[in-house]
Amino acid sequence: MEIVRFYDPEYYPLNPYSAHILEWGWVLYPTLEHAYHTLRYPQKKHQDMILAATSPKQARDISQTLKKYQYEDWSKNNFDIMKQLMQAKAEQHTEVQETLKKSRNMNILKDIPEDSLWWIWHDGKGENIMWKMWEEIREEYI
């Protein structure tokens, strides 16, 4: 079975860093990454700091410095929130839907060594949670 890799330009719309504006709860987020990290925090000042980030990486980096302020139950809800955001991204962007359709017979994965929970490492170890979610969402479009 072929594999969809995270940074392949052809499949980049599935990347949480891709420039697909996401509307969620009356707010427009520049990327899915901005939305996910903003929603970690109950205080508006922390949300605004992340939302003002000029790149998805900067949004993630800011969020990492604020972790002690995140919702106490974040680790219980973060997967559900991410999947809902991913579904919204697919619903709101035809390009994402088409990318999901194009990947119909492929495994979707991200293979970098930074995060073995959301992704999969070069050696094949890791949970690959995000891409399992994309595969579930893809079923709605094929």
C-alpha atoms as a PDB file:
ATOM      1  CA  MET A   1       0.000   0.000   0.000  1.00  0.00           C
ATOM      2  CA  GLU A   2       1.264   3.462  -0.881  1.00  0.00           C
ATOM      3  CA  ILE A   3       1.929   6.025   1.828  1.00  0.00           C
ATOM      4  CA  VAL A   4       0.931   9.680   1.975  1.00  0.00           C
ATOM      5  CA  ARG A   5       3.760  11.581   3.606  1.00  0.00           C
ATOM      6  CA  PHE A   6       3.148  14.703   5.602  1.00  0.00           C
ATOM      7  CA  TYR A   7       5.344  17.054   3.604  1.00  0.00           C
ATOM      8  CA  ASP A   8       4.495  15.861   0.087  1.00  0.00           C
ATOM      9  CA  PRO A   9       3.263  19.030  -1.665  1.00  0.00           C
ATOM     10  CA  GLU A  10       0.436  17.063  -3.222  1.00  0.00           C
ATOM     11  CA  TYR A  11      -0.921  16.178   0.243  1.00  0.00           C
ATOM     12  CA  TYR A  12       0.065  19.318   2.134  1.00  0.00           C
ATOM     13  CA  PRO A  13      -3.589  20.384   2.652  1.00  0.00           C
ATOM     14  CA  LEU A  14      -3.765  17.656   5.320  1.00  0.00           C
ATOM     15  CA  ASN A  15      -0.944  19.301   7.252  1.00  0.00           C
ATOM     16  CA  PRO A  16      -2.116  21.287  10.317  1.00  0.00           C
ATOM     17  CA  TYR A  17       0.319  24.011   9.208  1.00  0.00           C
ATOM     18  CA  SER A  18      -1.294  24.456   5.782  1.00  0.00           C
ATOM     19  CA  ALA A  19      -2.722  27.902   5.047  1.00  0.00           C
ATOM     20  CA  HIS A  20      -6.390  26.938   5.244  1.00  0.00           C
ATOM     21  CA  ILE A  21      -8.330  29.396   7.373  1.00  0.00           C
ATOM     22  CA  LEU A  22     -10.511  27.579   9.869  1.00  0.00           C
ATOM     23  CA  GLU A  23     -13.730  29.028  11.238  1.00  0.00           C
ATOM     24  CA  TRP A  24     -14.535  27.674  14.678  1.00  0.00           C
ATOM     25  CA  GLY A  25     -16.835  29.171  17.288  1.00  0.00           C
ATOM     26  CA  TRP A  26     -17.185  32.514  15.479  1.00  0.00           C
ATOM     27  CA  VAL A  27     -13.396  32.885  15.280  1.00  0.00           C
ATOM     28  CA  LEU A  28     -11.247  32.686  12.152  1.00  0.00           C
ATOM     29  CA  TYR A  29      -7.957  30.889  12.720  1.00  0.00           C
ATOM     30  CA  PRO A  30      -5.132  31.170  10.164  1.00  0.00           C
ATOM     31  CA  THR A  31      -4.428  27.419  10.400  1.00  0.00           C
ATOM     32  CA  LEU A  32      -5.632  24.312  12.168  1.00  0.00           C
ATOM     33  CA  GLU A  33      -2.480  24.508  14.302  1.00  0.00           C
ATOM     34  CA  HIS A  34      -3.454  27.994  15.508  1.00  0.00           C
ATOM     35  CA  ALA A  35      -6.960  26.777  16.373  1.00  0.00           C
ATOM     36  CA  TYR A  36      -5.813  23.696  18.261  1.00  0.00           C
ATOM     37  CA  HIS A  37      -3.315  25.570  20.412  1.00  0.00           C
ATOM     38  CA  THR A  38      -5.611  28.534  21.040  1.00  0.00           C
ATOM     39  CA  LEU A  39      -8.344  26.211  22.292  1.00  0.00           C
ATOM     40  CA  ARG A  40      -6.004  24.776  24.934  1.00  0.00           C
ATOM     41  CA  TYR A  41      -6.364  27.887  27.068  1.00  0.00           C
ATOM     42  CA  PRO A  42      -9.305  29.396  28.953  1.00  0.00           C
ATOM     43  CA  GLN A  43      -7.814  32.869  29.305  1.00  0.00           C
ATOM     44  CA  LYS A  44      -8.347  35.265  26.424  1.00  0.00           C
ATOM     45  CA  LYS A  45      -4.883  36.827  26.836  1.00  0.00           C
ATOM     46  CA  HIS A  46      -3.266  33.436  26.138  1.00  0.00           C
ATOM     47  CA  GLN A  47      -5.630  32.751  23.251  1.00  0.00           C
ATOM     48  CA  ASP A  48      -4.814  36.146  21.743  1.00  0.00           C
ATOM     49  CA  MET A  49      -1.064  35.528  22.007  1.00  0.00           C
ATOM     50  CA  ILE A  50      -1.382  32.311  20.016  1.00  0.00           C
ATOM     51  CA  LEU A  51      -3.872  33.714  17.544  1.00  0.00           C
ATOM     52  CA  ALA A  52      -1.471  36.595  16.807  1.00  0.00           C
ATOM     53  CA  ALA A  53       1.362  34.210  15.918  1.00  0.00           C
ATOM     54  CA  THR A  54       2.643  34.863  12.411  1.00  0.00           C
ATOM     55  CA  SER A  55       3.163  31.176  11.614  1.00  0.00           C
ATOM     56  CA  PRO A  56       1.776  27.832  12.765  1.00  0.00           C
ATOM     57  CA  LYS A  57       5.165  26.918  14.219  1.00  0.00           C
ATOM     58  CA  GLN A  58       5.196  30.121  16.222  1.00  0.00           C
ATOM     59  CA  ALA A  59       1.654  29.346  17.452  1.00  0.00           C
ATOM     60  CA  ARG A  60       2.839  25.931  18.630  1.00  0.00           C
ATOM     61  CA  ASP A  61       5.990  27.373  20.223  1.00  0.00           C
ATOM     62  CA  ILE A  62       4.021  30.016  22.136  1.00  0.00           C
ATOM     63  CA  SER A  63       1.596  27.367  23.308  1.00  0.00           C
ATOM     64  CA  GLN A  64       4.441  25.224  24.616  1.00  0.00           C
ATOM     65  CA  THR A  65       5.554  28.092  26.879  1.00  0.00           C
ATOM     66  CA  LEU A  66       2.020  28.468  28.281  1.00  0.00           C
ATOM     67  CA  LYS A  67       1.207  24.834  29.077  1.00  0.00           C
ATOM     68  CA  LYS A  68       0.838  25.462  32.807  1.00  0.00           C
ATOM     69  CA  TYR A  69      -2.188  27.662  31.985  1.00  0.00           C
ATOM     70  CA  GLN A  70      -4.028  25.163  29.776  1.00  0.00           C
ATOM     71  CA  TYR A  71      -7.383  23.675  30.752  1.00  0.00           C
ATOM     72  CA  GLU A  72      -6.901  21.135  33.526  1.00  0.00           C
ATOM     73  CA  ASP A  73      -8.756  18.472  31.566  1.00  0.00           C
ATOM     74  CA  TRP A  74      -7.003  19.222  28.261  1.00  0.00           C
ATOM     75  CA  SER A  75      -5.362  15.796  28.066  1.00  0.00           C
ATOM     76  CA  LYS A  76      -8.797  14.165  28.332  1.00  0.00           C
ATOM     77  CA  ASN A  77     -10.270  16.206  25.488  1.00  0.00           C
ATOM     78  CA  ASN A  78      -7.415  17.108  23.149  1.00  0.00           C
ATOM     79  CA  PHE A  79      -7.924  14.209  20.716  1.00  0.00           C
ATOM     80  CA  ASP A  80     -11.646  14.923  20.372  1.00  0.00           C
ATOM     81  CA  ILE A  81     -10.976  18.618  19.845  1.00  0.00           C
ATOM     82  CA  MET A  82      -8.319  17.932  17.207  1.00  0.00           C
ATOM     83  CA  LYS A  83     -10.592  15.553  15.323  1.00  0.00           C
ATOM     84  CA  GLN A  84     -13.445  18.079  15.369  1.00  0.00           C
ATOM     85  CA  LEU A  85     -11.102  20.763  14.031  1.00  0.00           C
ATOM     86  CA  MET A  86      -9.869  18.418  11.323  1.00  0.00           C
ATOM     87  CA  GLN A  87     -13.450  17.596  10.328  1.00  0.00           C
ATOM     88  CA  ALA A  88     -14.239  21.313  10.176  1.00  0.00           C
ATOM     89  CA  LYS A  89     -11.175  21.913   7.993  1.00  0.00           C
ATOM     90  CA  ALA A  90     -12.343  19.219   5.598  1.00  0.00           C
ATOM     91  CA  GLU A  91     -15.908  20.553   5.551  1.00  0.00           C
ATOM     92  CA  GLN A  92     -14.756  24.117   4.916  1.00  0.00           C
ATOM     93  CA  HIS A  93     -12.174  23.447   2.190  1.00  0.00           C
ATOM     94  CA  THR A  94     -12.814  21.599  -1.060  1.00  0.00           C
ATOM     95  CA  GLU A  95      -9.057  21.263  -1.546  1.00  0.00           C
ATOM     96  CA  VAL A  96      -8.836  19.213   1.666  1.00  0.00           C
ATOM     97  CA  GLN A  97     -11.763  17.031   0.563  1.00  0.00           C
ATOM     98  CA  GLU A  98     -10.128  16.420  -2.817  1.00  0.00           C
ATOM     99  CA  THR A  99      -6.824  15.573  -1.146  1.00  0.00           C
ATOM    100  CA  LEU A 100      -8.581  13.042   1.062  1.00  0.00           C
ATOM    101  CA  LYS A 101     -10.265  11.490  -1.971  1.00  0.00           C
ATOM    102  CA  LYS A 102      -6.956  11.327  -3.829  1.00  0.00           C
ATOM    103  CA  SER A 103      -5.406   9.429  -0.913  1.00  0.00           C
ATOM    104  CA  ARG A 104      -8.172   6.809  -0.863  1.00  0.00           C
ATOM    105  CA  ASN A 105      -5.997   3.680  -1.042  1.00  0.00           C
ATOM    106  CA  MET A 106      -3.040   5.037   0.878  1.00  0.00           C
ATOM    107  CA  ASN A 107      -1.903   5.043   4.476  1.00  0.00           C
ATOM    108  CA  ILE A 108      -1.610   8.564   5.784  1.00  0.00           C
ATOM    109  CA  LEU A 109       1.318   9.257   8.080  1.00  0.00           C
ATOM    110  CA  LYS A 110       3.782  11.830   9.255  1.00  0.00           C
ATOM    111  CA  ASP A 111       7.236  10.454   9.845  1.00  0.00           C
ATOM    112  CA  ILE A 112       9.297  12.826  11.932  1.00  0.00           C
ATOM    113  CA  PRO A 113      11.054  12.143  15.233  1.00  0.00           C
ATOM    114  CA  GLU A 114       9.618  15.012  17.279  1.00  0.00           C
ATOM    115  CA  ASP A 115       6.373  13.531  18.572  1.00  0.00           C
ATOM    116  CA  SER A 116       5.680   9.826  18.751  1.00  0.00           C
ATOM    117  CA  LEU A 117       2.096  10.277  19.928  1.00  0.00           C
ATOM    118  CA  TRP A 118       0.638  12.354  17.104  1.00  0.00           C
ATOM    119  CA  TRP A 119       3.087  11.131  14.484  1.00  0.00           C
ATOM    120  CA  ILE A 120       5.211   8.151  13.607  1.00  0.00           C
ATOM    121  CA  TRP A 121       9.009   8.099  13.766  1.00  0.00           C
ATOM    122  CA  HIS A 122      11.317   7.280  10.864  1.00  0.00           C
ATOM    123  CA  ASP A 123      11.826   3.830  12.411  1.00  0.00           C
ATOM    124  CA  GLY A 124       8.081   3.139  12.324  1.00  0.00           C
ATOM    125  CA  LYS A 125       7.499   3.625  16.050  1.00  0.00           C
ATOM    126  CA  GLY A 126       4.758   5.952  17.179  1.00  0.00           C
ATOM    127  CA  GLU A 127       1.017   6.226  17.504  1.00  0.00           C
ATOM    128  CA  ASN A 128       0.289   8.290  14.364  1.00  0.00           C
ATOM    129  CA  ILE A 129      -2.921   9.582  15.986  1.00  0.00           C
ATOM    130  CA  MET A 130      -3.513  12.561  13.690  1.00  0.00           C
ATOM    131  CA  TRP A 131      -3.217  10.522  10.544  1.00  0.00           C
ATOM    132  CA  LYS A 132      -5.485   7.789  11.867  1.00  0.00           C
ATOM    133  CA  MET A 133      -8.021  10.579  12.383  1.00  0.00           C
ATOM    134  CA  TRP A 134      -7.557  11.746   8.782  1.00  0.00           C
ATOM    135  CA  GLU A 135      -8.144   8.195   7.585  1.00  0.00           C
ATOM    136  CA  GLU A 136     -11.418   8.077   9.546  1.00  0.00           C
ATOM    137  CA  ILE A 137     -12.508  11.478   8.209  1.00  0.00           C
ATOM    138  CA  ARG A 138     -11.554  10.412   4.697  1.00  0.00           C
ATOM    139  CA  GLU A 139     -14.272   7.739   4.795  1.00  0.00           C
ATOM    140  CA  GLU A 140     -16.853  10.545   4.599  1.00  0.00           C
ATOM    141  CA  TYR A 141     -15.443  11.741   1.270  1.00  0.00           C
ATOM    142  CA  ILE A 142     -14.694   8.560  -0.697  1.00  0.00           C
END
